[in-house]
Amino acid sequence: MPEPSTTCSRQVLPDENDCVKLFKAVRISKYVAQENIEPLPYPRRCTHRVLPNYFEGYDPITGRHASVTASRVHSSTLT
């Protein structure tokens, strides 16, 4: 395992349902070592309370969340 100072970590938004199953509570965010991040082998919708701030919706065909428009991001930061 690499030295902690050389390991790159990412802050991620974990699926809230997974957190309840694994940790018995919701986790708003987690830090994950870069080498532990893997793509899912199949498309899956993530459930997290802040996703509407970053995404407009989920496309089950592509397995991707659709980004919010720039105008919506700008207007939400003004309120």
Protein backbone atom coordinates (compact mmCIF):
# COMPACT_ATOMS: atom_id res chain seq x y z
CA MET A 1 0.00 0.00 0.00
CA PRO A 2 1.35 3.48 -0.86
CA GLU A 3 2.38 5.96 1.80
CA PRO A 4 -0.63 8.05 2.98
CA SER A 5 0.99 11.27 1.77
CA THR A 6 1.28 9.89 -1.79
CA THR A 7 -2.21 8.42 -2.00
CA CYS A 8 -4.72 10.50 -3.91
CA SER A 9 -8.16 10.64 -2.28
CA ARG A 10 -11.46 11.74 -3.77
CA GLN A 11 -14.49 13.08 -1.98
CA VAL A 12 -17.51 11.15 -3.23
CA LEU A 13 -21.26 11.21 -2.70
CA PRO A 14 -22.14 7.68 -1.58
CA ASP A 15 -25.52 6.12 -2.26
CA GLU A 16 -27.59 6.78 0.87
CA ASN A 17 -29.32 3.39 0.76
CA ASP A 18 -25.95 1.62 0.59
CA CYS A 19 -24.72 3.64 3.58
CA VAL A 20 -27.74 2.68 5.65
CA LYS A 21 -27.15 -1.00 4.80
CA LEU A 22 -23.41 -0.88 5.49
CA PHE A 23 -23.07 1.72 8.26
CA LYS A 24 -26.63 1.87 9.69
CA ALA A 25 -26.73 5.62 8.92
CA VAL A 26 -26.62 8.04 6.01
CA ARG A 27 -23.19 9.41 5.07
CA ILE A 28 -23.27 12.76 3.29
CA SER A 29 -19.82 12.31 1.79
CA LYS A 30 -16.85 9.97 2.03
CA TYR A 31 -13.19 10.21 1.15
CA VAL A 32 -12.05 7.27 -0.95
CA ALA A 33 -8.53 6.41 -2.06
CA GLN A 34 -8.20 6.76 -5.84
CA GLU A 35 -7.08 3.14 -6.22
CA ASN A 36 -10.28 1.93 -4.51
CA ILE A 37 -12.63 3.65 -6.97
CA GLU A 38 -14.08 1.29 -9.57
CA PRO A 39 -16.86 1.77 -12.11
CA LEU A 40 -19.98 -0.27 -11.54
CA PRO A 41 -20.27 -3.27 -13.86
CA TYR A 42 -23.83 -2.19 -14.71
CA PRO A 43 -25.77 1.11 -14.71
CA ARG A 44 -27.33 1.90 -11.36
CA ARG A 45 -29.09 4.97 -10.06
CA CYS A 46 -27.48 6.63 -7.05
CA THR A 47 -29.75 8.00 -4.32
CA HIS A 48 -28.37 11.04 -2.50
CA ARG A 49 -30.08 14.16 -1.15
CA VAL A 50 -27.73 16.63 -2.89
CA LEU A 51 -27.87 15.09 -6.40
CA PRO A 52 -30.64 17.52 -7.51
CA ASN A 53 -28.12 20.34 -6.92
CA TYR A 54 -25.84 18.85 -9.58
CA PHE A 55 -28.08 16.76 -11.83
CA GLU A 56 -31.50 17.26 -13.43
CA GLY A 57 -32.35 13.60 -13.63
CA TYR A 58 -31.26 10.05 -14.36
CA ASP A 59 -31.38 8.28 -17.72
CA PRO A 60 -31.82 4.54 -17.13
CA ILE A 61 -30.90 3.76 -20.74
CA THR A 62 -27.43 5.33 -20.53
CA GLY A 63 -27.03 4.78 -16.79
CA ARG A 64 -26.01 8.41 -16.33
CA HIS A 65 -27.26 11.38 -14.38
CA ALA A 66 -27.96 14.45 -16.56
CA SER A 67 -26.07 17.59 -15.52
CA VAL A 68 -27.98 20.70 -14.52
CA THR A 69 -27.89 23.59 -16.96
CA ALA A 70 -25.52 26.48 -16.30
CA SER A 71 -28.41 28.92 -15.86
CA ARG A 72 -29.96 26.74 -13.16
CA VAL A 73 -26.65 26.48 -11.29
CA HIS A 74 -26.22 30.26 -11.46
CA SER A 75 -29.76 31.02 -10.27
CA SER A 76 -29.54 28.49 -7.40
CA THR A 77 -26.39 30.18 -6.07
CA LEU A 78 -28.19 33.53 -5.90
CA THR A 79 -30.92 32.33 -3.54
